[in-house]
């Protein structure tokens, strides 16, 4: 049984119990949900579908990437056996497409990272480690030459060259020490 919505009252019910409401005020819709359900080992499946639905809301769409770098399927140096959180979606086979944002809201897994939204992965562009977004587990490692190619693309971008210089090349502008006061 799915959620039921009564447009007259704005009430949302599940199995006969009120679990939420829809309020339309000042030209805006607000939906409140409070749902509890029991499940066995598959309890995460309904939750993942709910999360998937929330991810489709306009306010949860990723920012436009300033730079996109593509690496091939064979650029992975190492894969790890970890539980991965997979949204029920057909993922095309082939290369990885890493999207980098200048003002990314989070700095996980590092301040310089790219997103492969189709595969639910994040690339740490400093170390080459690749993480599953849902579980935050390291699941792959990019080959060294492919990591260097990604870093080179970032270095050539005016928006990311300072970050690469500071975080990858470990160089920073230093000032000469001041003369000691006598």
C-alpha atoms as a PDB file:
ATOM      1  CA  UNK A   1       0.000   0.000   0.000  1.00  0.00           C
ATOM      2  CA  UNK A   2       1.356   3.390  -0.929  1.00  0.00           C
ATOM      3  CA  UNK A   3       0.896   6.791   0.619  1.00  0.00           C
ATOM      4  CA  UNK A   4      -2.600   8.226   0.207  1.00  0.00           C
ATOM      5  CA  UNK A   5      -3.279  11.928  -0.221  1.00  0.00           C
ATOM      6  CA  UNK A   6      -6.593  13.675   0.453  1.00  0.00           C
ATOM      7  CA  UNK A   7      -6.608  16.937  -1.534  1.00  0.00           C
ATOM      8  CA  UNK A   8      -9.606  18.246   0.475  1.00  0.00           C
ATOM      9  CA  UNK A   9      -7.843  18.090   3.852  1.00  0.00           C
ATOM     10  CA  UNK A  10      -4.199  17.995   2.760  1.00  0.00           C
ATOM     11  CA  UNK A  11      -3.661  14.898   4.947  1.00  0.00           C
ATOM     12  CA  UNK A  12      -1.257  12.152   3.896  1.00  0.00           C
ATOM     13  CA  UNK A  13      -1.988   8.676   5.251  1.00  0.00           C
ATOM     14  CA  UNK A  14      -0.242   5.321   5.218  1.00  0.00           C
ATOM     15  CA  UNK A  15      -2.167   2.173   6.124  1.00  0.00           C
ATOM     16  CA  UNK A  16      -4.928   4.304   7.606  1.00  0.00           C
ATOM     17  CA  UNK A  17      -2.644   6.366   9.848  1.00  0.00           C
ATOM     18  CA  UNK A  18      -1.922  10.034   9.278  1.00  0.00           C
ATOM     19  CA  UNK A  19       1.770  10.373   8.485  1.00  0.00           C
ATOM     20  CA  UNK A  20       1.959  13.861   7.061  1.00  0.00           C
ATOM     21  CA  UNK A  21       0.276  16.826   5.497  1.00  0.00           C
ATOM     22  CA  UNK A  22       0.414  19.183   2.536  1.00  0.00           C
ATOM     23  CA  UNK A  23      -0.042  22.883   3.174  1.00  0.00           C
ATOM     24  CA  UNK A  24      -0.410  25.463   0.411  1.00  0.00           C
ATOM     25  CA  UNK A  25       0.193  28.969   1.720  1.00  0.00           C
ATOM     26  CA  UNK A  26       1.278  32.188   0.027  1.00  0.00           C
ATOM     27  CA  UNK A  27       1.724  30.386  -3.286  1.00  0.00           C
ATOM     28  CA  UNK A  28       4.108  27.771  -1.844  1.00  0.00           C
ATOM     29  CA  UNK A  29       3.631  24.099  -1.098  1.00  0.00           C
ATOM     30  CA  UNK A  30       5.017  22.565   2.062  1.00  0.00           C
ATOM     31  CA  UNK A  31       4.963  18.812   2.664  1.00  0.00           C
ATOM     32  CA  UNK A  32       5.602  17.373   6.124  1.00  0.00           C
ATOM     33  CA  UNK A  33       6.128  13.627   6.577  1.00  0.00           C
ATOM     34  CA  UNK A  34       6.514  11.516   9.671  1.00  0.00           C
ATOM     35  CA  UNK A  35       6.594   7.870   8.695  1.00  0.00           C
ATOM     36  CA  UNK A  36       7.641   4.779  10.588  1.00  0.00           C
ATOM     37  CA  UNK A  37       7.796   1.314   9.083  1.00  0.00           C
ATOM     38  CA  UNK A  38       9.219  -2.057  10.024  1.00  0.00           C
ATOM     39  CA  UNK A  39      11.331  -4.127   7.717  1.00  0.00           C
ATOM     40  CA  UNK A  40      13.817  -6.944   7.663  1.00  0.00           C
ATOM     41  CA  UNK A  41      17.153  -6.768   5.883  1.00  0.00           C
ATOM     42  CA  UNK A  42      15.535  -4.857   3.014  1.00  0.00           C
ATOM     43  CA  UNK A  43      14.447  -1.890   5.161  1.00  0.00           C
ATOM     44  CA  UNK A  44      16.709   0.453   3.186  1.00  0.00           C
ATOM     45  CA  UNK A  45      14.964  -0.155  -0.160  1.00  0.00           C
ATOM     46  CA  UNK A  46      11.869   1.989   0.599  1.00  0.00           C
ATOM     47  CA  UNK A  47      14.102   4.579   2.216  1.00  0.00           C
ATOM     48  CA  UNK A  48      16.364   4.701  -0.841  1.00  0.00           C
ATOM     49  CA  UNK A  49      13.364   5.270  -3.115  1.00  0.00           C
ATOM     50  CA  UNK A  50      12.245   8.117  -0.857  1.00  0.00           C
ATOM     51  CA  UNK A  51      15.765   9.591  -0.976  1.00  0.00           C
ATOM     52  CA  UNK A  52      15.785   9.160  -4.747  1.00  0.00           C
ATOM     53  CA  UNK A  53      12.501  11.080  -4.961  1.00  0.00           C
ATOM     54  CA  UNK A  54      13.889  13.888  -2.808  1.00  0.00           C
ATOM     55  CA  UNK A  55      16.986  14.042  -5.000  1.00  0.00           C
ATOM     56  CA  UNK A  56      14.751  14.953  -7.962  1.00  0.00           C
ATOM     57  CA  UNK A  57      13.484  18.151  -6.304  1.00  0.00           C
ATOM     58  CA  UNK A  58      14.886  21.306  -7.941  1.00  0.00           C
ATOM     59  CA  UNK A  59      16.585  22.483  -4.744  1.00  0.00           C
ATOM     60  CA  UNK A  60      18.525  19.204  -4.538  1.00  0.00           C
ATOM     61  CA  UNK A  61      19.990  19.387  -8.043  1.00  0.00           C
ATOM     62  CA  UNK A  62      23.768  19.767  -8.249  1.00  0.00           C
ATOM     63  CA  UNK A  63      25.270  23.099  -9.120  1.00  0.00           C
ATOM     64  CA  UNK A  64      26.504  23.567 -12.651  1.00  0.00           C
ATOM     65  CA  UNK A  65      30.041  22.248 -12.960  1.00  0.00           C
ATOM     66  CA  UNK A  66      32.774  24.656 -13.977  1.00  0.00           C
ATOM     67  CA  UNK A  67      34.993  21.852 -15.250  1.00  0.00           C
ATOM     68  CA  UNK A  68      34.246  18.333 -16.430  1.00  0.00           C
ATOM     69  CA  UNK A  69      37.036  15.753 -16.795  1.00  0.00           C
ATOM     70  CA  UNK A  70      36.478  12.303 -18.273  1.00  0.00           C
ATOM     71  CA  UNK A  71      38.542   9.223 -17.374  1.00  0.00           C
ATOM     72  CA  UNK A  72      38.192   5.803 -18.983  1.00  0.00           C
ATOM     73  CA  UNK A  73      36.907   2.595 -17.413  1.00  0.00           C
ATOM     74  CA  UNK A  74      40.440   1.163 -17.439  1.00  0.00           C
ATOM     75  CA  UNK A  75      41.788   4.108 -15.426  1.00  0.00           C
ATOM     76  CA  UNK A  76      40.951   2.297 -12.163  1.00  0.00           C
ATOM     77  CA  UNK A  77      44.094   0.972 -10.479  1.00  0.00           C
ATOM     78  CA  UNK A  78      42.369  -0.878  -7.633  1.00  0.00           C
ATOM     79  CA  UNK A  79      38.847  -1.829  -6.533  1.00  0.00           C
ATOM     80  CA  UNK A  80      37.794  -2.658  -2.991  1.00  0.00           C
ATOM     81  CA  UNK A  81      35.083  -5.048  -1.822  1.00  0.00           C
ATOM     82  CA  UNK A  82      32.783  -2.754   0.120  1.00  0.00           C
ATOM     83  CA  UNK A  83      29.064  -2.327   0.445  1.00  0.00           C
ATOM     84  CA  UNK A  84      27.941   0.333  -2.001  1.00  0.00           C
ATOM     85  CA  UNK A  85      24.702   2.244  -1.819  1.00  0.00           C
ATOM     86  CA  UNK A  86      23.155   1.957  -5.261  1.00  0.00           C
ATOM     87  CA  UNK A  87      20.044   3.822  -6.304  1.00  0.00           C
ATOM     88  CA  UNK A  88      17.790   1.706  -8.463  1.00  0.00           C
ATOM     89  CA  UNK A  89      18.985   3.075 -11.785  1.00  0.00           C
ATOM     90  CA  UNK A  90      20.564   1.577 -14.863  1.00  0.00           C
ATOM     91  CA  UNK A  91      24.129   2.872 -15.064  1.00  0.00           C
ATOM     92  CA  UNK A  92      25.750   2.942 -18.488  1.00  0.00           C
ATOM     93  CA  UNK A  93      29.067   1.198 -18.853  1.00  0.00           C
ATOM     94  CA  UNK A  94      32.102   3.052 -20.067  1.00  0.00           C
ATOM     95  CA  UNK A  95      34.070   6.002 -18.823  1.00  0.00           C
ATOM     96  CA  UNK A  96      33.716   8.087 -15.721  1.00  0.00           C
ATOM     97  CA  UNK A  97      32.705  11.728 -15.981  1.00  0.00           C
ATOM     98  CA  UNK A  98      34.008  13.798 -13.074  1.00  0.00           C
ATOM     99  CA  UNK A  99      32.378  17.176 -12.445  1.00  0.00           C
ATOM    100  CA  UNK A 100      34.200  19.720 -10.341  1.00  0.00           C
ATOM    101  CA  UNK A 101      32.548  22.698  -8.646  1.00  0.00           C
ATOM    102  CA  UNK A 102      34.502  25.762  -7.610  1.00  0.00           C
ATOM    103  CA  UNK A 103      32.357  26.499  -4.559  1.00  0.00           C
ATOM    104  CA  UNK A 104      31.363  22.984  -3.509  1.00  0.00           C
ATOM    105  CA  UNK A 105      29.356  23.091  -0.279  1.00  0.00           C
ATOM    106  CA  UNK A 106      31.089  20.073   1.223  1.00  0.00           C
ATOM    107  CA  UNK A 107      34.792  19.247   1.346  1.00  0.00           C
ATOM    108  CA  UNK A 108      34.375  15.484   1.493  1.00  0.00           C
ATOM    109  CA  UNK A 109      36.419  13.506   0.681  1.00  0.00           C
ATOM    110  CA  UNK A 110      38.806  16.431   0.196  1.00  0.00           C
ATOM    111  CA  UNK A 111      38.677  20.128  -0.669  1.00  0.00           C
ATOM    112  CA  UNK A 112      39.488  19.161  -4.289  1.00  0.00           C
ATOM    113  CA  UNK A 113      37.058  16.490  -5.469  1.00  0.00           C
ATOM    114  CA  UNK A 114      34.935  15.610  -8.468  1.00  0.00           C
ATOM    115  CA  UNK A 115      31.501  14.008  -8.764  1.00  0.00           C
ATOM    116  CA  UNK A 116      30.376  11.236 -11.119  1.00  0.00           C
ATOM    117  CA  UNK A 117      26.649  11.729 -10.595  1.00  0.00           C
ATOM    118  CA  UNK A 118      25.609   8.843 -12.849  1.00  0.00           C
ATOM    119  CA  UNK A 119      27.618   6.317 -10.843  1.00  0.00           C
ATOM    120  CA  UNK A 120      27.188   7.895  -7.386  1.00  0.00           C
ATOM    121  CA  UNK A 121      30.922   8.360  -6.891  1.00  0.00           C
ATOM    122  CA  UNK A 122      33.307  11.064  -5.698  1.00  0.00           C
ATOM    123  CA  UNK A 123      36.945  11.306  -6.741  1.00  0.00           C
ATOM    124  CA  UNK A 124      39.489  12.744  -4.330  1.00  0.00           C
ATOM    125  CA  UNK A 125      41.577  14.625  -6.893  1.00  0.00           C
ATOM    126  CA  UNK A 126      44.497  14.819  -4.451  1.00  0.00           C
ATOM    127  CA  UNK A 127      44.930  11.092  -3.725  1.00  0.00           C
ATOM    128  CA  UNK A 128      43.002   9.392  -6.553  1.00  0.00           C
ATOM    129  CA  UNK A 129      40.767   7.509  -4.136  1.00  0.00           C
ATOM    130  CA  UNK A 130      37.162   7.046  -5.268  1.00  0.00           C
ATOM    131  CA  UNK A 131      34.281   6.854  -2.794  1.00  0.00           C
ATOM    132  CA  UNK A 132      30.683   5.691  -2.936  1.00  0.00           C
ATOM    133  CA  UNK A 133      28.510   8.710  -2.130  1.00  0.00           C
ATOM    134  CA  UNK A 134      25.846   6.767  -0.210  1.00  0.00           C
ATOM    135  CA  UNK A 135      28.115   4.794   2.112  1.00  0.00           C
ATOM    136  CA  UNK A 136      31.161   7.088   2.058  1.00  0.00           C
ATOM    137  CA  UNK A 137      33.304   3.975   1.644  1.00  0.00           C
ATOM    138  CA  UNK A 138      36.420   3.990  -0.518  1.00  0.00           C
ATOM    139  CA  UNK A 139      35.573   1.631  -3.358  1.00  0.00           C
ATOM    140  CA  UNK A 140      38.173   2.288  -6.073  1.00  0.00           C
ATOM    141  CA  UNK A 141      41.489   3.994  -6.750  1.00  0.00           C
ATOM    142  CA  UNK A 142      42.331   5.856  -9.933  1.00  0.00           C
ATOM    143  CA  UNK A 143      45.541   4.842 -11.711  1.00  0.00           C
ATOM    144  CA  UNK A 144      48.417   7.234 -11.133  1.00  0.00           C
ATOM    145  CA  UNK A 145      48.700   8.351 -14.766  1.00  0.00           C
ATOM    146  CA  UNK A 146      44.953   9.041 -14.941  1.00  0.00           C
ATOM    147  CA  UNK A 147      45.054  10.961 -11.657  1.00  0.00           C
ATOM    148  CA  UNK A 148      47.890  13.055 -13.072  1.00  0.00           C
ATOM    149  CA  UNK A 149      45.793  13.722 -16.188  1.00  0.00           C
ATOM    150  CA  UNK A 150      42.844  14.873 -14.040  1.00  0.00           C
ATOM    151  CA  UNK A 151      45.156  17.082 -11.979  1.00  0.00           C
ATOM    152  CA  UNK A 152      46.655  18.486 -15.196  1.00  0.00           C
ATOM    153  CA  UNK A 153      43.165  19.403 -16.462  1.00  0.00           C
ATOM    154  CA  UNK A 154      42.437  21.108 -13.149  1.00  0.00           C
ATOM    155  CA  UNK A 155      45.795  22.890 -13.184  1.00  0.00           C
ATOM    156  CA  UNK A 156      45.004  24.311 -16.647  1.00  0.00           C
ATOM    157  CA  UNK A 157      41.685  25.734 -15.401  1.00  0.00           C
ATOM    158  CA  UNK A 158      41.863  29.273 -14.026  1.00  0.00           C
ATOM    159  CA  UNK A 159      39.241  28.295 -11.435  1.00  0.00           C
ATOM    160  CA  UNK A 160      41.213  25.345 -10.016  1.00  0.00           C
ATOM    161  CA  UNK A 161      44.910  26.059 -10.625  1.00  0.00           C
ATOM    162  CA  UNK A 162      45.404  27.646  -7.175  1.00  0.00           C
ATOM    163  CA  UNK A 163      43.764  24.690  -5.435  1.00  0.00           C
ATOM    164  CA  UNK A 164      45.975  22.242  -7.363  1.00  0.00           C
ATOM    165  CA  UNK A 165      49.043  24.303  -6.544  1.00  0.00           C
ATOM    166  CA  UNK A 166      48.221  24.368  -2.842  1.00  0.00           C
ATOM    167  CA  UNK A 167      46.756  20.881  -2.359  1.00  0.00           C
ATOM    168  CA  UNK A 168      48.539  18.727  -4.948  1.00  0.00           C
ATOM    169  CA  UNK A 169      51.795  20.511  -5.718  1.00  0.00           C
ATOM    170  CA  UNK A 170      52.071  21.641  -2.073  1.00  0.00           C
ATOM    171  CA  UNK A 171      53.327  25.049  -3.100  1.00  0.00           C
ATOM    172  CA  UNK A 172      52.130  28.281  -1.675  1.00  0.00           C
ATOM    173  CA  UNK A 173      53.158  31.865  -1.804  1.00  0.00           C
ATOM    174  CA  UNK A 174      55.511  32.517   1.045  1.00  0.00           C
ATOM    175  CA  UNK A 175      56.884  35.798   2.189  1.00  0.00           C
ATOM    176  CA  UNK A 176      60.478  36.333   3.149  1.00  0.00           C
ATOM    177  CA  UNK A 177      61.021  36.277   6.895  1.00  0.00           C
ATOM    178  CA  UNK A 178      61.195  39.696   8.428  1.00  0.00           C
ATOM    179  CA  UNK A 179      64.445  40.959   9.822  1.00  0.00           C
ATOM    180  CA  UNK A 180      64.776  40.427  13.535  1.00  0.00           C
ATOM    181  CA  UNK A 181      64.219  43.516  15.629  1.00  0.00           C
ATOM    182  CA  UNK A 182      67.312  44.706  17.468  1.00  0.00           C
END
